[in-house]
């Protein structure tokens, strides 16, 4: 019931693009978190970006499986 019918085979490339970008972003933000001096405001911003990247990875996995929730998550992540 939650699956979409995709006529375009490029949806896997889009999901792969978002997934790889999320993994690279998570690695970079983790590296920056541990190498920069600690400041509470910077820490809060890093946590917010980290949460956004985790949602982006989850949305990419859902979209890869042709689920409508993945498409919605990626749409809102793209807007943010």
Protein backbone atom coordinates (compact mmCIF):
# COMPACT_ATOMS: atom_id res chain seq x y z
CA UNK A 1 0.00 0.00 0.00
CA UNK A 2 2.90 2.32 0.71
CA UNK A 3 4.78 1.49 -2.50
CA UNK A 4 4.85 3.73 -5.53
CA UNK A 5 5.00 2.67 -9.15
CA UNK A 6 8.15 4.16 -10.63
CA UNK A 7 8.40 4.32 -14.40
CA UNK A 8 11.76 6.07 -14.29
CA UNK A 9 14.76 3.85 -13.53
CA UNK A 10 16.75 6.89 -12.35
CA UNK A 11 15.18 6.78 -8.90
CA UNK A 12 17.96 4.44 -7.72
CA UNK A 13 20.59 6.93 -8.86
CA UNK A 14 18.83 9.67 -6.91
CA UNK A 15 18.61 7.48 -3.80
CA UNK A 16 22.28 6.54 -4.20
CA UNK A 17 23.26 10.19 -4.55
CA UNK A 18 21.42 11.16 -1.36
CA UNK A 19 22.74 8.12 0.51
CA UNK A 20 26.39 8.69 -0.43
CA UNK A 21 26.07 12.40 0.34
CA UNK A 22 24.62 11.59 3.77
CA UNK A 23 27.42 9.14 4.57
CA UNK A 24 30.11 11.61 3.50
CA UNK A 25 28.38 14.39 5.46
CA UNK A 26 28.15 12.24 8.59
CA UNK A 27 31.85 11.45 8.35
CA UNK A 28 32.82 15.08 7.85
CA UNK A 29 30.59 16.42 10.61
CA UNK A 30 31.88 13.76 13.03
CA UNK A 31 35.47 14.68 12.18
CA UNK A 32 34.74 18.40 12.65
CA UNK A 33 32.98 17.74 15.94
CA UNK A 34 36.03 16.05 17.43
CA UNK A 35 38.71 18.34 15.98
CA UNK A 36 37.25 21.79 16.65
CA UNK A 37 37.34 23.42 20.08
CA UNK A 38 34.17 22.84 22.08
CA UNK A 39 31.61 25.62 22.13
CA UNK A 40 27.98 24.96 23.07
CA UNK A 41 26.46 26.85 20.12
CA UNK A 42 28.68 25.05 17.62
CA UNK A 43 27.85 21.75 19.29
CA UNK A 44 24.10 22.41 18.98
CA UNK A 45 24.47 23.27 15.29
CA UNK A 46 26.53 20.13 14.64
CA UNK A 47 23.90 17.99 16.37
CA UNK A 48 21.13 19.53 14.26
CA UNK A 49 23.08 18.89 11.05
CA UNK A 50 23.88 15.37 12.22
CA UNK A 51 20.17 14.65 12.80
CA UNK A 52 19.34 16.03 9.36
CA UNK A 53 21.95 13.79 7.73
CA UNK A 54 20.63 10.73 9.55
CA UNK A 55 17.13 11.51 8.26
CA UNK A 56 18.57 11.98 4.77
CA UNK A 57 20.21 8.55 4.92
CA UNK A 58 16.98 6.99 6.18
CA UNK A 59 15.01 8.70 3.41
CA UNK A 60 17.47 7.49 0.78
CA UNK A 61 17.11 3.91 2.01
CA UNK A 62 13.32 4.19 2.00
CA UNK A 63 13.33 5.71 -1.49
CA UNK A 64 15.64 2.94 -2.74
CA UNK A 65 12.96 0.46 -1.62
CA UNK A 66 10.31 2.47 -3.53
CA UNK A 67 8.54 3.68 -0.41
CA UNK A 68 6.59 6.89 -0.47
CA UNK A 69 7.89 7.92 2.95
CA UNK A 70 11.42 8.07 1.55
CA UNK A 71 10.29 10.39 -1.20
CA UNK A 72 8.60 12.68 1.32
CA UNK A 73 11.64 12.72 3.62
CA UNK A 74 14.00 13.57 0.75
CA UNK A 75 11.63 16.30 -0.40
CA UNK A 76 11.63 18.01 3.01
CA UNK A 77 15.37 17.52 3.47
CA UNK A 78 15.93 19.18 0.10
CA UNK A 79 13.82 22.14 1.17
CA UNK A 80 15.71 22.55 4.41
